[in-house]
Amino acid sequence: MDDDLYAKFLPQFVALARARVSVALAAVAQRDHGAMPATVRELHSLAGEAGLLGLDEVIPLARDGERKAKLLQVSRADADADALEAALRDLQRLIDGIAVTKGSGAPV
């Protein structure tokens, strides 16, 4: 990707990714199983956007979260909610690290 485009879109990606993960974490914490279809879509989109920016390290974590959200949607089990929350926290740390190391600003 062109450096100018990367510089333009990376901060937007980080902001959107943080928002998506934050909403998903809130849904899991509240055990809002009705929010899982939206969480699945958000994580799927996050993986695709990361791919467009060449953020290959984000893709497997977003896909793992997507799988765990699908499982929780069906199982509604606390153990599955905990696993999804852990995956989302890993994704959140990675996104915050990208924000710092790739120059899109300090974590919010």
C-alpha atoms as a PDB file:
ATOM      1  CA  MET A   1       0.000   0.000   0.000  1.00  0.00           C
ATOM      2  CA  ASP A   2       1.197   3.520  -0.748  1.00  0.00           C
ATOM      3  CA  ASP A   3       2.729   5.136   2.368  1.00  0.00           C
ATOM      4  CA  ASP A   4       0.428   8.169   2.144  1.00  0.00           C
ATOM      5  CA  LEU A   5      -2.673   5.991   1.955  1.00  0.00           C
ATOM      6  CA  TYR A   6      -1.396   3.829   4.784  1.00  0.00           C
ATOM      7  CA  ALA A   7      -0.767   6.910   6.928  1.00  0.00           C
ATOM      8  CA  LYS A   8      -4.266   8.157   6.141  1.00  0.00           C
ATOM      9  CA  PHE A   9      -6.180   4.937   6.737  1.00  0.00           C
ATOM     10  CA  LEU A  10      -4.270   3.365   9.625  1.00  0.00           C
ATOM     11  CA  PRO A  11      -5.552   5.871  12.218  1.00  0.00           C
ATOM     12  CA  GLN A  12      -9.094   5.351  10.936  1.00  0.00           C
ATOM     13  CA  PHE A  13      -8.657   1.587  11.143  1.00  0.00           C
ATOM     14  CA  VAL A  14      -7.328   1.793  14.706  1.00  0.00           C
ATOM     15  CA  ALA A  15     -10.190   4.024  15.859  1.00  0.00           C
ATOM     16  CA  LEU A  16     -12.834   1.810  14.255  1.00  0.00           C
ATOM     17  CA  ALA A  17     -11.193  -1.396  15.479  1.00  0.00           C
ATOM     18  CA  ARG A  18     -11.046  -0.064  19.032  1.00  0.00           C
ATOM     19  CA  ALA A  19     -14.722   0.862  18.892  1.00  0.00           C
ATOM     20  CA  ARG A  20     -15.725  -2.537  17.505  1.00  0.00           C
ATOM     21  CA  VAL A  21     -13.771  -4.451  20.118  1.00  0.00           C
ATOM     22  CA  SER A  22     -15.077  -2.204  22.901  1.00  0.00           C
ATOM     23  CA  VAL A  23     -18.706  -2.812  21.900  1.00  0.00           C
ATOM     24  CA  ALA A  24     -18.068  -6.560  21.661  1.00  0.00           C
ATOM     25  CA  LEU A  25     -16.421  -6.602  25.095  1.00  0.00           C
ATOM     26  CA  ALA A  26     -19.397  -4.775  26.589  1.00  0.00           C
ATOM     27  CA  ALA A  27     -21.822  -7.276  25.034  1.00  0.00           C
ATOM     28  CA  VAL A  28     -19.847 -10.223  26.400  1.00  0.00           C
ATOM     29  CA  ALA A  29     -19.526  -8.668  29.865  1.00  0.00           C
ATOM     30  CA  GLN A  30     -23.300  -8.144  29.967  1.00  0.00           C
ATOM     31  CA  ARG A  31     -23.888 -11.633  28.556  1.00  0.00           C
ATOM     32  CA  ASP A  32     -25.930 -10.022  25.782  1.00  0.00           C
ATOM     33  CA  HIS A  33     -26.280 -13.074  23.583  1.00  0.00           C
ATOM     34  CA  GLY A  34     -28.570 -11.175  21.235  1.00  0.00           C
ATOM     35  CA  ALA A  35     -25.596  -8.984  20.291  1.00  0.00           C
ATOM     36  CA  MET A  36     -23.501 -11.930  19.097  1.00  0.00           C
ATOM     37  CA  PRO A  37     -24.643 -11.823  15.442  1.00  0.00           C
ATOM     38  CA  ALA A  38     -23.541  -8.178  15.264  1.00  0.00           C
ATOM     39  CA  THR A  39     -20.292  -9.065  17.030  1.00  0.00           C
ATOM     40  CA  VAL A  40     -19.633 -11.793  14.471  1.00  0.00           C
ATOM     41  CA  ARG A  41     -20.183  -9.310  11.622  1.00  0.00           C
ATOM     42  CA  GLU A  42     -17.981  -6.666  13.245  1.00  0.00           C
ATOM     43  CA  LEU A  43     -15.107  -9.084  13.772  1.00  0.00           C
ATOM     44  CA  HIS A  44     -15.469 -10.395  10.224  1.00  0.00           C
ATOM     45  CA  SER A  45     -15.270  -6.827   8.904  1.00  0.00           C
ATOM     46  CA  LEU A  46     -12.300  -6.108  11.143  1.00  0.00           C
ATOM     47  CA  ALA A  47     -10.416  -9.070   9.690  1.00  0.00           C
ATOM     48  CA  GLY A  48     -11.149  -7.893   6.152  1.00  0.00           C
ATOM     49  CA  GLU A  49     -10.077  -4.323   6.822  1.00  0.00           C
ATOM     50  CA  ALA A  50      -6.890  -5.520   8.494  1.00  0.00           C
ATOM     51  CA  GLY A  51      -6.161  -7.568   5.398  1.00  0.00           C
ATOM     52  CA  LEU A  52      -6.588  -4.553   3.145  1.00  0.00           C
ATOM     53  CA  LEU A  53      -4.022  -2.659   5.221  1.00  0.00           C
ATOM     54  CA  GLY A  54      -1.618  -5.588   5.351  1.00  0.00           C
ATOM     55  CA  LEU A  55      -2.068  -6.005   9.102  1.00  0.00           C
ATOM     56  CA  ASP A  56      -1.693  -9.754   8.859  1.00  0.00           C
ATOM     57  CA  GLU A  57      -1.214 -10.208  12.601  1.00  0.00           C
ATOM     58  CA  VAL A  58      -4.765  -8.931  13.254  1.00  0.00           C
ATOM     59  CA  ILE A  59      -6.542 -11.330  10.907  1.00  0.00           C
ATOM     60  CA  PRO A  60      -6.167 -14.590  12.872  1.00  0.00           C
ATOM     61  CA  LEU A  61      -7.171 -12.931  16.148  1.00  0.00           C
ATOM     62  CA  ALA A  62     -10.258 -11.336  14.589  1.00  0.00           C
ATOM     63  CA  ARG A  63     -11.231 -14.642  12.973  1.00  0.00           C
ATOM     64  CA  ASP A  64     -10.706 -16.476  16.254  1.00  0.00           C
ATOM     65  CA  GLY A  65     -12.991 -13.965  17.970  1.00  0.00           C
ATOM     66  CA  GLU A  66     -15.532 -14.403  15.204  1.00  0.00           C
ATOM     67  CA  ARG A  67     -15.538 -18.185  15.724  1.00  0.00           C
ATOM     68  CA  LYS A  68     -15.858 -17.788  19.482  1.00  0.00           C
ATOM     69  CA  ALA A  69     -18.757 -15.333  19.094  1.00  0.00           C
ATOM     70  CA  LYS A  70     -20.563 -17.825  16.847  1.00  0.00           C
ATOM     71  CA  LEU A  71     -20.043 -20.560  19.424  1.00  0.00           C
ATOM     72  CA  LEU A  72     -21.298 -18.335  22.249  1.00  0.00           C
ATOM     73  CA  GLN A  73     -24.354 -17.401  20.208  1.00  0.00           C
ATOM     74  CA  VAL A  74     -25.347 -21.077  20.226  1.00  0.00           C
ATOM     75  CA  SER A  75     -24.012 -22.326  23.548  1.00  0.00           C
ATOM     76  CA  ARG A  76     -24.664 -19.309  25.804  1.00  0.00           C
ATOM     77  CA  ALA A  77     -22.147 -20.924  28.159  1.00  0.00           C
ATOM     78  CA  ASP A  78     -20.134 -18.864  30.615  1.00  0.00           C
ATOM     79  CA  ALA A  79     -16.960 -20.700  29.609  1.00  0.00           C
ATOM     80  CA  ASP A  80     -17.503 -19.675  25.965  1.00  0.00           C
ATOM     81  CA  ALA A  81     -18.177 -16.087  27.037  1.00  0.00           C
ATOM     82  CA  ASP A  82     -14.940 -16.092  29.019  1.00  0.00           C
ATOM     83  CA  ALA A  83     -13.034 -17.488  26.039  1.00  0.00           C
ATOM     84  CA  LEU A  84     -14.466 -14.794  23.759  1.00  0.00           C
ATOM     85  CA  GLU A  85     -13.636 -12.092  26.278  1.00  0.00           C
ATOM     86  CA  ALA A  86     -10.031 -13.320  26.478  1.00  0.00           C
ATOM     87  CA  ALA A  87      -9.761 -13.359  22.672  1.00  0.00           C
ATOM     88  CA  LEU A  88     -11.164  -9.838  22.457  1.00  0.00           C
ATOM     89  CA  ARG A  89      -8.685  -8.610  25.091  1.00  0.00           C
ATOM     90  CA  ASP A  90      -5.834 -10.103  23.036  1.00  0.00           C
ATOM     91  CA  LEU A  91      -7.171  -8.353  19.953  1.00  0.00           C
ATOM     92  CA  GLN A  92      -7.511  -5.095  21.879  1.00  0.00           C
ATOM     93  CA  ARG A  93      -3.860  -5.283  23.042  1.00  0.00           C
ATOM     94  CA  LEU A  94      -2.702  -5.979  19.507  1.00  0.00           C
ATOM     95  CA  ILE A  95      -4.642  -3.016  18.103  1.00  0.00           C
ATOM     96  CA  ASP A  96      -3.253  -0.746  20.806  1.00  0.00           C
ATOM     97  CA  GLY A  97       0.239  -1.987  19.946  1.00  0.00           C
ATOM     98  CA  ILE A  98      -0.320  -1.216  16.269  1.00  0.00           C
ATOM     99  CA  ALA A  99      -1.429   2.281  17.214  1.00  0.00           C
ATOM    100  CA  VAL A 100       1.842   2.884  19.021  1.00  0.00           C
ATOM    101  CA  THR A 101       4.325   1.064  16.777  1.00  0.00           C
ATOM    102  CA  LYS A 102       2.914   2.090  13.422  1.00  0.00           C
ATOM    103  CA  GLY A 103       2.447   5.719  14.329  1.00  0.00           C
ATOM    104  CA  SER A 104      -1.286   6.211  14.531  1.00  0.00           C
ATOM    105  CA  GLY A 105      -1.216   7.678  18.008  1.00  0.00           C
ATOM    106  CA  ALA A 106      -1.093   6.556  21.594  1.00  0.00           C
ATOM    107  CA  PRO A 107      -3.780   4.255  22.958  1.00  0.00           C
ATOM    108  CA  VAL A 108      -6.971   5.967  24.041  1.00  0.00           C
END
